[in-house]
Amino acid sequence: MNTSKQKRQRKTRSVAEAAQILGIGRNQAYDAIKKGELYAIRIGRRLVVPQVALDRLLSGADRAA
């Protein structure tokens, strides 16, 4: 299976991957998670960002009306 196809099928992204998708630095992504601007799930010691949270953020659905 194609690597890029596998990434599209994944339900979560690492914080570094999410940062790259958003066009921000990794540290900015961690700050956004801490401030509640970017949703992440903690699994053990690891944080992952659900793809649906990224999709919602990028579509503008999280913006106040």
Protein backbone atom coordinates (compact mmCIF):
# COMPACT_ATOMS: atom_id res chain seq x y z
CA MET A 1 0.00 0.00 0.00
CA ASN A 2 1.17 3.52 -0.83
CA THR A 3 2.61 5.49 2.13
CA SER A 4 0.67 8.67 1.31
CA LYS A 5 -2.52 6.61 1.02
CA GLN A 6 -1.85 5.10 4.46
CA LYS A 7 -1.46 8.59 5.95
CA ARG A 8 -4.80 9.67 4.48
CA GLN A 9 -6.50 6.68 6.09
CA ARG A 10 -5.09 7.26 9.55
CA LYS A 11 -7.51 8.71 12.09
CA THR A 12 -4.86 10.59 14.11
CA ARG A 13 -1.71 12.56 13.46
CA SER A 14 1.33 13.16 15.59
CA VAL A 15 1.74 16.71 16.88
CA ALA A 16 4.64 17.21 14.43
CA GLU A 17 2.49 16.02 11.51
CA ALA A 18 -0.40 18.23 12.59
CA ALA A 19 1.96 21.20 12.82
CA GLN A 20 3.24 20.54 9.31
CA ILE A 21 -0.32 20.31 7.95
CA LEU A 22 -1.21 23.59 9.67
CA GLY A 23 1.99 25.28 8.51
CA ILE A 24 3.19 26.04 12.03
CA GLY A 25 6.13 24.89 14.12
CA ARG A 26 5.97 21.89 16.44
CA ASN A 27 6.36 24.09 19.53
CA GLN A 28 3.52 26.33 18.33
CA ALA A 29 1.36 23.22 17.95
CA TYR A 30 2.11 22.15 21.52
CA ASP A 31 1.27 25.69 22.72
CA ALA A 32 -2.01 25.60 20.78
CA ILE A 33 -2.89 22.28 22.45
CA LYS A 34 -2.07 23.69 25.88
CA LYS A 35 -4.29 26.76 25.20
CA GLY A 36 -7.13 24.59 23.91
CA GLU A 37 -6.88 25.96 20.37
CA LEU A 38 -5.95 22.56 18.95
CA TYR A 39 -7.63 19.41 20.24
CA ALA A 40 -5.40 16.46 21.12
CA ILE A 41 -5.84 13.12 22.86
CA ARG A 42 -3.30 11.82 25.36
CA ILE A 43 -2.53 8.13 25.03
CA GLY A 44 -0.07 7.24 27.74
CA ARG A 45 2.63 9.87 27.44
CA ARG A 46 1.92 10.59 23.78
CA LEU A 47 -0.34 13.28 22.33
CA VAL A 48 -2.13 12.68 19.04
CA VAL A 49 -4.36 15.02 17.07
CA PRO A 50 -7.51 13.50 15.55
CA GLN A 51 -7.75 14.07 11.80
CA VAL A 52 -11.35 15.28 12.25
CA ALA A 53 -10.11 18.03 14.60
CA LEU A 54 -7.67 19.20 11.92
CA ASP A 55 -10.37 19.05 9.24
CA ARG A 56 -12.77 21.05 11.42
CA LEU A 57 -10.12 23.65 12.23
CA LEU A 58 -9.07 24.06 8.61
CA SER A 59 -12.66 24.33 7.37
CA GLY A 60 -13.30 27.15 9.83
CA ALA A 61 -16.01 25.21 11.67
CA ASP A 62 -14.32 26.02 15.01
CA ARG A 63 -14.63 29.78 14.51
CA ALA A 64 -17.18 31.72 16.49
CA ALA A 65 -20.02 33.12 14.39
